[in-house]
Amino acid sequence: MAMYLVNAFSLNMLSGDNLTVKVRKLTVDEAKRLLAPDGHLASDVVLAVGHADTARVIGALLSLPEADINRMVEVAQTRPTVKMAGRDKALVAQYIGPRLPEGATKLPEGARIEFFLVEL
């Protein structure tokens, strides 16, 4: 069983047939408790945010330490591919708003991130 941190969810991320997908909206605090129960990203979280600026904003919103945010940004530059199988989970940090400006570290006015837990 894996736990992914992603900024989008697609059916292309599913591996297998006849999967049931459950989606539940989370608060920022619930997302932080799930990903970083001791204040740092849990070691078993698979990072797969696809954009460096989005990774910075998500890390700041979750009040993660700079080392965790830097790791998220580094992984984002590789544009990882996710394939979820039975019992996997993904925390989706869905950005909603205008295009993020280059180098953004916080949400622009009128933008928000909503968190969803996707479970197979």
PDB file of N, CA and C in Angstrom:
ATOM      1  N   MET A   1       0.849  -1.181   0.000  1.00  0.00           N
ATOM      2  CA  MET A   1       0.000   0.000   0.000  1.00  0.00           C
ATOM      3  C   MET A   1       0.895   1.245   0.000  1.00  0.00           C
ATOM      4  N   ALA A   2       0.623   2.161  -0.899  1.00  0.00           N
ATOM      5  CA  ALA A   2       1.406   3.396  -0.994  1.00  0.00           C
ATOM      6  C   ALA A   2       0.512   4.601  -0.726  1.00  0.00           C
ATOM      7  N   MET A   3       1.133   5.687  -0.247  1.00  0.00           N
ATOM      8  CA  MET A   3       0.467   6.974  -0.074  1.00  0.00           C
ATOM      9  C   MET A   3       1.189   7.974  -0.961  1.00  0.00           C
ATOM     10  N   TYR A   4       0.460   8.548  -1.914  1.00  0.00           N
ATOM     11  CA  TYR A   4       1.017   9.507  -2.852  1.00  0.00           C
ATOM     12  C   TYR A   4       0.558  10.919  -2.499  1.00  0.00           C
ATOM     13  N   LEU A   5       1.400  11.900  -2.771  1.00  0.00           N
ATOM     14  CA  LEU A   5       1.016  13.302  -2.734  1.00  0.00           C
ATOM     15  C   LEU A   5       1.080  13.798  -4.164  1.00  0.00           C
ATOM     16  N   VAL A   6      -0.082  14.191  -4.702  1.00  0.00           N
ATOM     17  CA  VAL A   6      -0.179  14.607  -6.100  1.00  0.00           C
ATOM     18  C   VAL A   6      -0.947  15.925  -6.186  1.00  0.00           C
ATOM     19  N   ASN A   7      -0.847  16.585  -7.324  1.00  0.00           N
ATOM     20  CA  ASN A   7      -1.598  17.819  -7.516  1.00  0.00           C
ATOM     21  C   ASN A   7      -2.753  17.646  -8.502  1.00  0.00           C
ATOM     22  N   ALA A   8      -2.970  16.423  -8.942  1.00  0.00           N
ATOM     23  CA  ALA A   8      -4.095  16.126  -9.832  1.00  0.00           C
ATOM     24  C   ALA A   8      -4.350  14.629  -9.774  1.00  0.00           C
ATOM     25  N   PHE A   9      -5.555  14.235 -10.171  1.00  0.00           N
ATOM     26  CA  PHE A   9      -5.892  12.820 -10.220  1.00  0.00           C
ATOM     27  C   PHE A   9      -6.517  12.524 -11.572  1.00  0.00           C
ATOM     28  N   SER A  10      -6.076  11.412 -12.176  1.00  0.00           N
ATOM     29  CA  SER A  10      -6.587  10.995 -13.472  1.00  0.00           C
ATOM     30  C   SER A  10      -6.824   9.495 -13.448  1.00  0.00           C
ATOM     31  N   LEU A  11      -7.775   9.042 -14.233  1.00  0.00           N
ATOM     32  CA  LEU A  11      -8.006   7.605 -14.353  1.00  0.00           C
ATOM     33  C   LEU A  11      -6.788   6.886 -14.933  1.00  0.00           C
ATOM     34  N   ASN A  12      -5.925   7.616 -15.631  1.00  0.00           N
ATOM     35  CA  ASN A  12      -4.684   7.032 -16.149  1.00  0.00           C
ATOM     36  C   ASN A  12      -3.745   6.586 -15.030  1.00  0.00           C
ATOM     37  N   MET A  13      -3.985   7.052 -13.818  1.00  0.00           N
ATOM     38  CA  MET A  13      -3.137   6.701 -12.687  1.00  0.00           C
ATOM     39  C   MET A  13      -3.509   5.344 -12.086  1.00  0.00           C
ATOM     40  N   LEU A  14      -4.595   4.757 -12.551  1.00  0.00           N
ATOM     41  CA  LEU A  14      -5.065   3.494 -11.984  1.00  0.00           C
ATOM     42  C   LEU A  14      -4.466   2.308 -12.715  1.00  0.00           C
ATOM     43  N   SER A  15      -4.049   1.319 -11.942  1.00  0.00           N
ATOM     44  CA  SER A  15      -3.485   0.098 -12.490  1.00  0.00           C
ATOM     45  C   SER A  15      -4.333  -1.065 -12.005  1.00  0.00           C
ATOM     46  N   GLY A  16      -4.981  -1.735 -12.928  1.00  0.00           N
ATOM     47  CA  GLY A  16      -5.837  -2.856 -12.553  1.00  0.00           C
ATOM     48  C   GLY A  16      -7.235  -2.684 -13.103  1.00  0.00           C
ATOM     49  N   ASP A  17      -8.028  -3.726 -12.923  1.00  0.00           N
ATOM     50  CA  ASP A  17      -9.401  -3.721 -13.418  1.00  0.00           C
ATOM     51  C   ASP A  17     -10.376  -3.719 -12.244  1.00  0.00           C
ATOM     52  N   ASN A  18     -11.557  -3.214 -12.487  1.00  0.00           N
ATOM     53  CA  ASN A  18     -12.652  -3.254 -11.512  1.00  0.00           C
ATOM     54  C   ASN A  18     -12.266  -2.684 -10.159  1.00  0.00           C
ATOM     55  N   LEU A  19     -11.659  -1.506 -10.172  1.00  0.00           N
ATOM     56  CA  LEU A  19     -11.278  -0.834  -8.936  1.00  0.00           C
ATOM     57  C   LEU A  19     -12.405   0.063  -8.455  1.00  0.00           C
ATOM     58  N   THR A  20     -12.546   0.154  -7.173  1.00  0.00           N
ATOM     59  CA  THR A  20     -13.470   1.100  -6.574  1.00  0.00           C
ATOM     60  C   THR A  20     -12.656   2.278  -6.064  1.00  0.00           C
ATOM     61  N   VAL A  21     -13.048   3.487  -6.436  1.00  0.00           N
ATOM     62  CA  VAL A  21     -12.339   4.694  -6.038  1.00  0.00           C
ATOM     63  C   VAL A  21     -13.232   5.490  -5.097  1.00  0.00           C
ATOM     64  N   LYS A  22     -12.718   5.761  -3.897  1.00  0.00           N
ATOM     65  CA  LYS A  22     -13.424   6.593  -2.928  1.00  0.00           C
ATOM     66  C   LYS A  22     -12.697   7.929  -2.827  1.00  0.00           C
ATOM     67  N   VAL A  23     -13.466   9.019  -2.813  1.00  0.00           N
ATOM     68  CA  VAL A  23     -12.887  10.351  -2.718  1.00  0.00           C
ATOM     69  C   VAL A  23     -13.555  11.085  -1.563  1.00  0.00           C
ATOM     70  N   ARG A  24     -12.713  11.684  -0.712  1.00  0.00           N
ATOM     71  CA  ARG A  24     -13.239  12.436   0.433  1.00  0.00           C
ATOM     72  C   ARG A  24     -12.477  13.750   0.538  1.00  0.00           C
ATOM     73  N   LYS A  25     -13.201  14.843   0.684  1.00  0.00           N
ATOM     74  CA  LYS A  25     -12.575  16.156   0.838  1.00  0.00           C
ATOM     75  C   LYS A  25     -12.015  16.276   2.250  1.00  0.00           C
ATOM     76  N   LEU A  26     -10.812  16.881   2.344  1.00  0.00           N
ATOM     77  CA  LEU A  26     -10.153  17.068   3.628  1.00  0.00           C
ATOM     78  C   LEU A  26      -9.904  18.546   3.892  1.00  0.00           C
ATOM     79  N   THR A  27      -9.803  18.892   5.155  1.00  0.00           N
ATOM     80  CA  THR A  27      -9.352  20.230   5.523  1.00  0.00           C
ATOM     81  C   THR A  27      -7.829  20.266   5.417  1.00  0.00           C
ATOM     82  N   VAL A  28      -7.258  21.457   5.472  1.00  0.00           N
ATOM     83  CA  VAL A  28      -5.804  21.591   5.464  1.00  0.00           C
ATOM     84  C   VAL A  28      -5.207  20.848   6.658  1.00  0.00           C
ATOM     85  N   ASP A  29      -5.828  20.984   7.828  1.00  0.00           N
ATOM     86  CA  ASP A  29      -5.309  20.304   9.022  1.00  0.00           C
ATOM     87  C   ASP A  29      -5.364  18.789   8.883  1.00  0.00           C
ATOM     88  N   GLU A  30      -6.440  18.262   8.307  1.00  0.00           N
ATOM     89  CA  GLU A  30      -6.527  16.811   8.091  1.00  0.00           C
ATOM     90  C   GLU A  30      -5.446  16.347   7.115  1.00  0.00           C
ATOM     91  N   ALA A  31      -5.223  17.121   6.069  1.00  0.00           N
ATOM     92  CA  ALA A  31      -4.185  16.770   5.095  1.00  0.00           C
ATOM     93  C   ALA A  31      -2.815  16.774   5.759  1.00  0.00           C
ATOM     94  N   LYS A  32      -2.551  17.768   6.588  1.00  0.00           N
ATOM     95  CA  LYS A  32      -1.253  17.855   7.260  1.00  0.00           C
ATOM     96  C   LYS A  32      -1.070  16.679   8.216  1.00  0.00           C
ATOM     97  N   ARG A  33      -2.098  16.334   8.980  1.00  0.00           N
ATOM     98  CA  ARG A  33      -1.992  15.197   9.904  1.00  0.00           C
ATOM     99  C   ARG A  33      -1.723  13.896   9.156  1.00  0.00           C
ATOM    100  N   LEU A  34      -2.308  13.759   7.984  1.00  0.00           N
ATOM    101  CA  LEU A  34      -2.127  12.543   7.188  1.00  0.00           C
ATOM    102  C   LEU A  34      -0.717  12.447   6.600  1.00  0.00           C
ATOM    103  N   LEU A  35      -0.208  13.560   6.082  1.00  0.00           N
ATOM    104  CA  LEU A  35       1.093  13.572   5.406  1.00  0.00           C
ATOM    105  C   LEU A  35       2.277  13.795   6.335  1.00  0.00           C
ATOM    106  N   ALA A  36       2.058  14.594   7.359  1.00  0.00           N
ATOM    107  CA  ALA A  36       3.171  15.020   8.220  1.00  0.00           C
ATOM    108  C   ALA A  36       2.742  14.996   9.680  1.00  0.00           C
ATOM    109  N   PRO A  37       2.449  13.825  10.219  1.00  0.00           N
ATOM    110  CA  PRO A  37       1.924  13.764  11.588  1.00  0.00           C
ATOM    111  C   PRO A  37       2.879  14.318  12.646  1.00  0.00           C
ATOM    112  N   ASP A  38       4.185  14.281  12.383  1.00  0.00           N
ATOM    113  CA  ASP A  38       5.150  14.822  13.345  1.00  0.00           C
ATOM    114  C   ASP A  38       5.750  16.148  12.871  1.00  0.00           C
ATOM    115  N   GLY A  39       5.124  16.780  11.885  1.00  0.00           N
ATOM    116  CA  GLY A  39       5.610  18.060  11.368  1.00  0.00           C
ATOM    117  C   GLY A  39       6.493  17.949  10.142  1.00  0.00           C
ATOM    118  N   HIS A  40       6.970  16.748   9.837  1.00  0.00           N
ATOM    119  CA  HIS A  40       7.774  16.478   8.632  1.00  0.00           C
ATOM    120  C   HIS A  40       7.003  15.498   7.765  1.00  0.00           C
ATOM    121  N   LEU A  41       7.245  15.535   6.463  1.00  0.00           N
ATOM    122  CA  LEU A  41       6.614  14.561   5.580  1.00  0.00           C
ATOM    123  C   LEU A  41       6.954  13.153   6.050  1.00  0.00           C
ATOM    124  N   ALA A  42       5.940  12.314   6.162  1.00  0.00           N
ATOM    125  CA  ALA A  42       6.175  10.926   6.546  1.00  0.00           C
ATOM    126  C   ALA A  42       7.071  10.269   5.500  1.00  0.00           C
ATOM    127  N   SER A  43       7.955   9.381   5.939  1.00  0.00           N
ATOM    128  CA  SER A  43       8.941   8.779   5.042  1.00  0.00           C
ATOM    129  C   SER A  43       8.314   7.906   3.963  1.00  0.00           C
ATOM    130  N   ASP A  44       7.084   7.429   4.189  1.00  0.00           N
ATOM    131  CA  ASP A  44       6.453   6.551   3.203  1.00  0.00           C
ATOM    132  C   ASP A  44       5.615   7.300   2.173  1.00  0.00           C
ATOM    133  N   VAL A  45       5.561   8.621   2.239  1.00  0.00           N
ATOM    134  CA  VAL A  45       4.795   9.401   1.264  1.00  0.00           C
ATOM    135  C   VAL A  45       5.586   9.475  -0.038  1.00  0.00           C
ATOM    136  N   VAL A  46       4.946   9.058  -1.129  1.00  0.00           N
ATOM    137  CA  VAL A  46       5.560   9.120  -2.456  1.00  0.00           C
ATOM    138  C   VAL A  46       5.194  10.467  -3.069  1.00  0.00           C
ATOM    139  N   LEU A  47       6.186  11.285  -3.309  1.00  0.00           N
ATOM    140  CA  LEU A  47       5.949  12.628  -3.845  1.00  0.00           C
ATOM    141  C   LEU A  47       5.770  12.565  -5.353  1.00  0.00           C
ATOM    142  N   ALA A  48       4.707  13.196  -5.837  1.00  0.00           N
ATOM    143  CA  ALA A  48       4.440  13.181  -7.278  1.00  0.00           C
ATOM    144  C   ALA A  48       3.698  14.445  -7.709  1.00  0.00           C
ATOM    145  N   VAL A  49       4.028  15.576  -7.089  1.00  0.00           N
ATOM    146  CA  VAL A  49       3.486  16.856  -7.545  1.00  0.00           C
ATOM    147  C   VAL A  49       4.232  17.212  -8.815  1.00  0.00           C
ATOM    148  N   GLY A  50       3.501  17.577  -9.854  1.00  0.00           N
ATOM    149  CA  GLY A  50       4.101  17.722 -11.169  1.00  0.00           C
ATOM    150  C   GLY A  50       4.687  19.072 -11.527  1.00  0.00           C
ATOM    151  N   HIS A  51       4.611  20.067 -10.639  1.00  0.00           N
ATOM    152  CA  HIS A  51       5.124  21.396 -10.946  1.00  0.00           C
ATOM    153  C   HIS A  51       5.832  21.959  -9.725  1.00  0.00           C
ATOM    154  N   ALA A  52       7.018  22.493  -9.902  1.00  0.00           N
ATOM    155  CA  ALA A  52       7.818  23.001  -8.793  1.00  0.00           C
ATOM    156  C   ALA A  52       7.108  24.115  -8.030  1.00  0.00           C
ATOM    157  N   ASP A  53       6.508  25.072  -8.754  1.00  0.00           N
ATOM    158  CA  ASP A  53       5.828  26.173  -8.073  1.00  0.00           C
ATOM    159  C   ASP A  53       4.643  25.667  -7.252  1.00  0.00           C
ATOM    160  N   THR A  54       3.915  24.720  -7.800  1.00  0.00           N
ATOM    161  CA  THR A  54       2.784  24.138  -7.072  1.00  0.00           C
ATOM    162  C   THR A  54       3.296  23.413  -5.831  1.00  0.00           C
ATOM    163  N   ALA A  55       4.415  22.715  -5.944  1.00  0.00           N
ATOM    164  CA  ALA A  55       5.001  22.025  -4.795  1.00  0.00           C
ATOM    165  C   ALA A  55       5.367  23.019  -3.698  1.00  0.00           C
ATOM    166  N   ARG A  56       5.950  24.157  -4.068  1.00  0.00           N
ATOM    167  CA  ARG A  56       6.298  25.186  -3.079  1.00  0.00           C
ATOM    168  C   ARG A  56       5.061  25.696  -2.354  1.00  0.00           C
ATOM    169  N   VAL A  57       4.025  25.977  -3.110  1.00  0.00           N
ATOM    170  CA  VAL A  57       2.794  26.524  -2.522  1.00  0.00           C
ATOM    171  C   VAL A  57       2.140  25.493  -1.594  1.00  0.00           C
ATOM    172  N   ILE A  58       2.078  24.237  -2.030  1.00  0.00           N
ATOM    173  CA  ILE A  58       1.489  23.180  -1.204  1.00  0.00           C
ATOM    174  C   ILE A  58       2.290  23.025   0.087  1.00  0.00           C
ATOM    175  N   GLY A  59       3.614  22.982  -0.030  1.00  0.00           N
ATOM    176  CA  GLY A  59       4.460  22.849   1.155  1.00  0.00           C
ATOM    177  C   GLY A  59       4.255  23.980   2.145  1.00  0.00           C
ATOM    178  N   ALA A  60       4.162  25.216   1.631  1.00  0.00           N
ATOM    179  CA  ALA A  60       3.939  26.371   2.505  1.00  0.00           C
ATOM    180  C   ALA A  60       2.562  26.304   3.161  1.00  0.00           C
ATOM    181  N   LEU A  61       1.554  25.938   2.378  1.00  0.00           N
ATOM    182  CA  LEU A  61       0.192  25.839   2.908  1.00  0.00           C
ATOM    183  C   LEU A  61       0.104  24.800   4.031  1.00  0.00           C
ATOM    184  N   LEU A  62       0.873  23.723   3.905  1.00  0.00           N
ATOM    185  CA  LEU A  62       0.885  22.667   4.922  1.00  0.00           C
ATOM    186  C   LEU A  62       1.890  22.956   6.041  1.00  0.00           C
ATOM    187  N   SER A  63       2.547  24.106   5.971  1.00  0.00           N
ATOM    188  CA  SER A  63       3.540  24.517   6.979  1.00  0.00           C
ATOM    189  C   SER A  63       4.647  23.477   7.137  1.00  0.00           C
ATOM    190  N   LEU A  64       5.094  22.929   6.015  1.00  0.00           N
ATOM    191  CA  LEU A  64       6.158  21.932   6.047  1.00  0.00           C
ATOM    192  C   LEU A  64       7.508  22.622   6.203  1.00  0.00           C
ATOM    193  N   PRO A  65       8.477  21.918   6.784  1.00  0.00           N
ATOM    194  CA  PRO A  65       9.822  22.492   6.892  1.00  0.00           C
ATOM    195  C   PRO A  65      10.457  22.700   5.509  1.00  0.00           C
ATOM    196  N   GLU A  66      11.396  23.612   5.450  1.00  0.00           N
ATOM    197  CA  GLU A  66      12.046  23.964   4.188  1.00  0.00           C
ATOM    198  C   GLU A  66      12.675  22.744   3.503  1.00  0.00           C
ATOM    199  N   ALA A  67      13.249  21.836   4.289  1.00  0.00           N
ATOM    200  CA  ALA A  67      13.877  20.640   3.695  1.00  0.00           C
ATOM    201  C   ALA A  67      12.833  19.790   2.965  1.00  0.00           C
ATOM    202  N   ASP A  68      11.644  19.652   3.525  1.00  0.00           N
ATOM    203  CA  ASP A  68      10.581  18.887   2.868  1.00  0.00           C
ATOM    204  C   ASP A  68      10.107  19.584   1.599  1.00  0.00           C
ATOM    205  N   ILE A  69       9.961  20.904   1.671  1.00  0.00           N
ATOM    206  CA  ILE A  69       9.526  21.664   0.496  1.00  0.00           C
ATOM    207  C   ILE A  69      10.569  21.538  -0.611  1.00  0.00           C
ATOM    208  N   ASN A  70      11.841  21.642  -0.258  1.00  0.00           N
ATOM    209  CA  ASN A  70      12.905  21.508  -1.260  1.00  0.00           C
ATOM    210  C   ASN A  70      12.870  20.135  -1.912  1.00  0.00           C
ATOM    211  N   ARG A  71      12.612  19.092  -1.132  1.00  0.00           N
ATOM    212  CA  ARG A  71      12.526  17.735  -1.691  1.00  0.00           C
ATOM    213  C   ARG A  71      11.330  17.625  -2.638  1.00  0.00           C
ATOM    214  N   MET A  72      10.194  18.243  -2.257  1.00  0.00           N
ATOM    215  CA  MET A  72       9.011  18.236  -3.121  1.00  0.00           C
ATOM    216  C   MET A  72       9.318  18.924  -4.452  1.00  0.00           C
ATOM    217  N   VAL A  73      10.006  20.058  -4.398  1.00  0.00           N
ATOM    218  CA  VAL A  73      10.355  20.820  -5.602  1.00  0.00           C
ATOM    219  C   VAL A  73      11.305  20.009  -6.481  1.00  0.00           C
ATOM    220  N   GLU A  74      12.284  19.380  -5.868  1.00  0.00           N
ATOM    221  CA  GLU A  74      13.245  18.569  -6.626  1.00  0.00           C
ATOM    222  C   GLU A  74      12.545  17.421  -7.356  1.00  0.00           C
ATOM    223  N   VAL A  75      11.655  16.728  -6.661  1.00  0.00           N
ATOM    224  CA  VAL A  75      10.924  15.615  -7.282  1.00  0.00           C
ATOM    225  C   VAL A  75      10.003  16.130  -8.380  1.00  0.00           C
ATOM    226  N   ALA A  76       9.362  17.286  -8.157  1.00  0.00           N
ATOM    227  CA  ALA A  76       8.441  17.845  -9.154  1.00  0.00           C
ATOM    228  C   ALA A  76       9.135  18.085 -10.487  1.00  0.00           C
ATOM    229  N   GLN A  77      10.396  18.413 -10.466  1.00  0.00           N
ATOM    230  CA  GLN A  77      11.128  18.686 -11.698  1.00  0.00           C
ATOM    231  C   GLN A  77      11.330  17.439 -12.542  1.00  0.00           C
ATOM    232  N   THR A  78      11.133  16.263 -11.964  1.00  0.00           N
ATOM    233  CA  THR A  78      11.262  15.016 -12.723  1.00  0.00           C
ATOM    234  C   THR A  78       9.930  14.566 -13.321  1.00  0.00           C
ATOM    235  N   ARG A  79       8.842  15.262 -12.972  1.00  0.00           N
ATOM    236  CA  ARG A  79       7.494  14.920 -13.457  1.00  0.00           C
ATOM    237  C   ARG A  79       7.203  13.423 -13.303  1.00  0.00           C
ATOM    238  N   PRO A  80       7.156  12.935 -12.063  1.00  0.00           N
ATOM    239  CA  PRO A  80       6.963  11.494 -11.836  1.00  0.00           C
ATOM    240  C   PRO A  80       5.613  10.995 -12.339  1.00  0.00           C
ATOM    241  N   THR A  81       5.583   9.731 -12.721  1.00  0.00           N
ATOM    242  CA  THR A  81       4.356   9.065 -13.144  1.00  0.00           C
ATOM    243  C   THR A  81       3.844   8.218 -11.986  1.00  0.00           C
ATOM    244  N   VAL A  82       2.550   8.249 -11.764  1.00  0.00           N
ATOM    245  CA  VAL A  82       1.938   7.485 -10.673  1.00  0.00           C
ATOM    246  C   VAL A  82       1.067   6.387 -11.255  1.00  0.00           C
ATOM    247  N   LYS A  83       1.214   5.187 -10.726  1.00  0.00           N
ATOM    248  CA  LYS A  83       0.329   4.064 -11.045  1.00  0.00           C
ATOM    249  C   LYS A  83      -0.150   3.482  -9.725  1.00  0.00           C
ATOM    250  N   MET A  84      -1.412   3.705  -9.418  1.00  0.00           N
ATOM    251  CA  MET A  84      -1.989   3.243  -8.158  1.00  0.00           C
ATOM    252  C   MET A  84      -2.610   1.864  -8.343  1.00  0.00           C
ATOM    253  N   ALA A  85      -2.443   1.036  -7.323  1.00  0.00           N
ATOM    254  CA  ALA A  85      -3.033  -0.302  -7.318  1.00  0.00           C
ATOM    255  C   ALA A  85      -3.882  -0.441  -6.061  1.00  0.00           C
ATOM    256  N   GLY A  86      -4.518  -1.595  -5.907  1.00  0.00           N
ATOM    257  CA  GLY A  86      -5.419  -1.832  -4.788  1.00  0.00           C
ATOM    258  C   GLY A  86      -4.850  -1.431  -3.444  1.00  0.00           C
ATOM    259  N   ARG A  87      -5.645  -0.739  -2.644  1.00  0.00           N
ATOM    260  CA  ARG A  87      -5.334  -0.261  -1.299  1.00  0.00           C
ATOM    261  C   ARG A  87      -4.399   0.942  -1.271  1.00  0.00           C
ATOM    262  N   ASP A  88      -3.980   1.460  -2.421  1.00  0.00           N
ATOM    263  CA  ASP A  88      -3.179   2.679  -2.450  1.00  0.00           C
ATOM    264  C   ASP A  88      -4.070   3.868  -2.137  1.00  0.00           C
ATOM    265  N   LYS A  89      -3.417   4.956  -1.696  1.00  0.00           N
ATOM    266  CA  LYS A  89      -4.110   6.210  -1.408  1.00  0.00           C
ATOM    267  C   LYS A  89      -3.336   7.350  -2.059  1.00  0.00           C
ATOM    268  N   ALA A  90      -4.067   8.402  -2.376  1.00  0.00           N
ATOM    269  CA  ALA A  90      -3.418   9.611  -2.883  1.00  0.00           C
ATOM    270  C   ALA A  90      -4.049  10.821  -2.217  1.00  0.00           C
ATOM    271  N   LEU A  91      -3.213  11.708  -1.725  1.00  0.00           N
ATOM    272  CA  LEU A  91      -3.701  12.989  -1.251  1.00  0.00           C
ATOM    273  C   LEU A  91      -3.547  13.936  -2.425  1.00  0.00           C
ATOM    274  N   VAL A  92      -4.671  14.411  -2.928  1.00  0.00           N
ATOM    275  CA  VAL A  92      -4.683  15.309  -4.075  1.00  0.00           C
ATOM    276  C   VAL A  92      -4.790  16.740  -3.568  1.00  0.00           C
ATOM    277  N   ALA A  93      -3.802  17.557  -3.890  1.00  0.00           N
ATOM    278  CA  ALA A  93      -3.821  18.979  -3.568  1.00  0.00           C
ATOM    279  C   ALA A  93      -4.213  19.708  -4.849  1.00  0.00           C
ATOM    280  N   GLN A  94      -5.502  19.947  -5.010  1.00  0.00           N
ATOM    281  CA  GLN A  94      -6.052  20.472  -6.261  1.00  0.00           C
ATOM    282  C   GLN A  94      -6.002  21.999  -6.265  1.00  0.00           C
ATOM    283  N   TYR A  95      -5.172  22.565  -7.120  1.00  0.00           N
ATOM    284  CA  TYR A  95      -5.069  24.021  -7.256  1.00  0.00           C
ATOM    285  C   TYR A  95      -6.239  24.534  -8.074  1.00  0.00           C
ATOM    286  N   ILE A  96      -6.868  25.593  -7.575  1.00  0.00           N
ATOM    287  CA  ILE A  96      -7.996  26.214  -8.274  1.00  0.00           C
ATOM    288  C   ILE A  96      -7.723  27.713  -8.320  1.00  0.00           C
ATOM    289  N   GLY A  97      -7.598  28.242  -9.516  1.00  0.00           N
ATOM    290  CA  GLY A  97      -7.361  29.670  -9.624  1.00  0.00           C
ATOM    291  C   GLY A  97      -6.590  30.021 -10.877  1.00  0.00           C
ATOM    292  N   PRO A  98      -6.139  31.274 -10.944  1.00  0.00           N
ATOM    293  CA  PRO A  98      -5.378  31.719 -12.115  1.00  0.00           C
ATOM    294  C   PRO A  98      -4.027  31.021 -12.160  1.00  0.00           C
ATOM    295  N   ARG A  99      -3.423  31.042 -13.302  1.00  0.00           N
ATOM    296  CA  ARG A  99      -2.103  30.412 -13.471  1.00  0.00           C
ATOM    297  C   ARG A  99      -1.146  30.959 -12.418  1.00  0.00           C
ATOM    298  N   LEU A 100      -0.398  30.037 -11.782  1.00  0.00           N
ATOM    299  CA  LEU A 100       0.582  30.467 -10.783  1.00  0.00           C
ATOM    300  C   LEU A 100       1.701  31.253 -11.460  1.00  0.00           C
ATOM    301  N   PRO A 101       2.070  32.391 -10.890  1.00  0.00           N
ATOM    302  CA  PRO A 101       3.206  33.112 -11.452  1.00  0.00           C
ATOM    303  C   PRO A 101       4.503  32.331 -11.232  1.00  0.00           C
ATOM    304  N   GLU A 102       5.450  32.494 -12.129  1.00  0.00           N
ATOM    305  CA  GLU A 102       6.755  31.832 -12.023  1.00  0.00           C
ATOM    306  C   GLU A 102       7.387  32.154 -10.671  1.00  0.00           C
ATOM    307  N   GLY A 103       7.840  31.111  -9.960  1.00  0.00           N
ATOM    308  CA  GLY A 103       8.506  31.295  -8.675  1.00  0.00           C
ATOM    309  C   GLY A 103       7.571  31.522  -7.502  1.00  0.00           C
ATOM    310  N   ALA A 104       6.287  31.265  -7.673  1.00  0.00           N
ATOM    311  CA  ALA A 104       5.311  31.495  -6.597  1.00  0.00           C
ATOM    312  C   ALA A 104       5.639  30.652  -5.372  1.00  0.00           C
ATOM    313  N   THR A 105       5.448  31.250  -4.201  1.00  0.00           N
ATOM    314  CA  THR A 105       5.615  30.525  -2.943  1.00  0.00           C
ATOM    315  C   THR A 105       4.352  30.576  -2.096  1.00  0.00           C
ATOM    316  N   LYS A 106       3.384  31.360  -2.559  1.00  0.00           N
ATOM    317  CA  LYS A 106       2.089  31.408  -1.872  1.00  0.00           C
ATOM    318  C   LYS A 106       0.997  31.582  -2.914  1.00  0.00           C
ATOM    319  N   LEU A 107      -0.226  31.370  -2.478  1.00  0.00           N
ATOM    320  CA  LEU A 107      -1.358  31.450  -3.406  1.00  0.00           C
ATOM    321  C   LEU A 107      -1.613  32.885  -3.839  1.00  0.00           C
ATOM    322  N   PRO A 108      -1.845  33.110  -5.122  1.00  0.00           N
ATOM    323  CA  PRO A 108      -2.236  34.446  -5.567  1.00  0.00           C
ATOM    324  C   PRO A 108      -3.673  34.746  -5.127  1.00  0.00           C
ATOM    325  N   GLU A 109      -4.009  35.998  -5.137  1.00  0.00           N
ATOM    326  CA  GLU A 109      -5.360  36.409  -4.749  1.00  0.00           C
ATOM    327  C   GLU A 109      -6.388  35.687  -5.613  1.00  0.00           C
ATOM    328  N   GLY A 110      -7.437  35.183  -4.962  1.00  0.00           N
ATOM    329  CA  GLY A 110      -8.510  34.492  -5.667  1.00  0.00           C
ATOM    330  C   GLY A 110      -8.253  33.015  -5.916  1.00  0.00           C
ATOM    331  N   ALA A 111      -7.100  32.528  -5.510  1.00  0.00           N
ATOM    332  CA  ALA A 111      -6.766  31.117  -5.725  1.00  0.00           C
ATOM    333  C   ALA A 111      -6.908  30.341  -4.422  1.00  0.00           C
ATOM    334  N   ARG A 112      -7.042  29.016  -4.556  1.00  0.00           N
ATOM    335  CA  ARG A 112      -7.108  28.158  -3.372  1.00  0.00           C
ATOM    336  C   ARG A 112      -6.627  26.760  -3.751  1.00  0.00           C
ATOM    337  N   ILE A 113      -6.300  25.994  -2.744  1.00  0.00           N
ATOM    338  CA  ILE A 113      -5.989  24.584  -2.922  1.00  0.00           C
ATOM    339  C   ILE A 113      -6.956  23.812  -2.062  1.00  0.00           C
ATOM    340  N   GLU A 114      -7.607  22.835  -2.684  1.00  0.00           N
ATOM    341  CA  GLU A 114      -8.511  21.943  -1.958  1.00  0.00           C
ATOM    342  C   GLU A 114      -7.863  20.570  -1.889  1.00  0.00           C
ATOM    343  N   PHE A 115      -8.002  19.934  -0.749  1.00  0.00           N
ATOM    344  CA  PHE A 115      -7.394  18.627  -0.524  1.00  0.00           C
ATOM    345  C   PHE A 115      -8.434  17.530  -0.567  1.00  0.00           C
ATOM    346  N   PHE A 116      -8.086  16.437  -1.248  1.00  0.00           N
ATOM    347  CA  PHE A 116      -8.969  15.290  -1.364  1.00  0.00           C
ATOM    348  C   PHE A 116      -8.145  14.031  -1.098  1.00  0.00           C
ATOM    349  N   LEU A 117      -8.736  13.097  -0.377  1.00  0.00           N
ATOM    350  CA  LEU A 117      -8.113  11.796  -0.181  1.00  0.00           C
ATOM    351  C   LEU A 117      -8.783  10.830  -1.140  1.00  0.00           C
ATOM    352  N   VAL A 118      -7.984  10.231  -2.020  1.00  0.00           N
ATOM    353  CA  VAL A 118      -8.460   9.230  -2.970  1.00  0.00           C
ATOM    354  C   VAL A 118      -7.968   7.885  -2.471  1.00  0.00           C
ATOM    355  N   GLU A 119      -8.898   6.956  -2.271  1.00  0.00           N
ATOM    356  CA  GLU A 119      -8.551   5.619  -1.784  1.00  0.00           C
ATOM    357  C   GLU A 119      -9.063   4.556  -2.747  1.00  0.00           C
ATOM    358  N   LEU A 120      -8.247   3.554  -2.977  1.00  0.00           N
ATOM    359  CA  LEU A 120      -8.669   2.422  -3.811  1.00  0.00           C
ATOM    360  C   LEU A 120      -9.039   1.278  -2.902  1.00  0.00           C
TER     361      LEU A 120
END
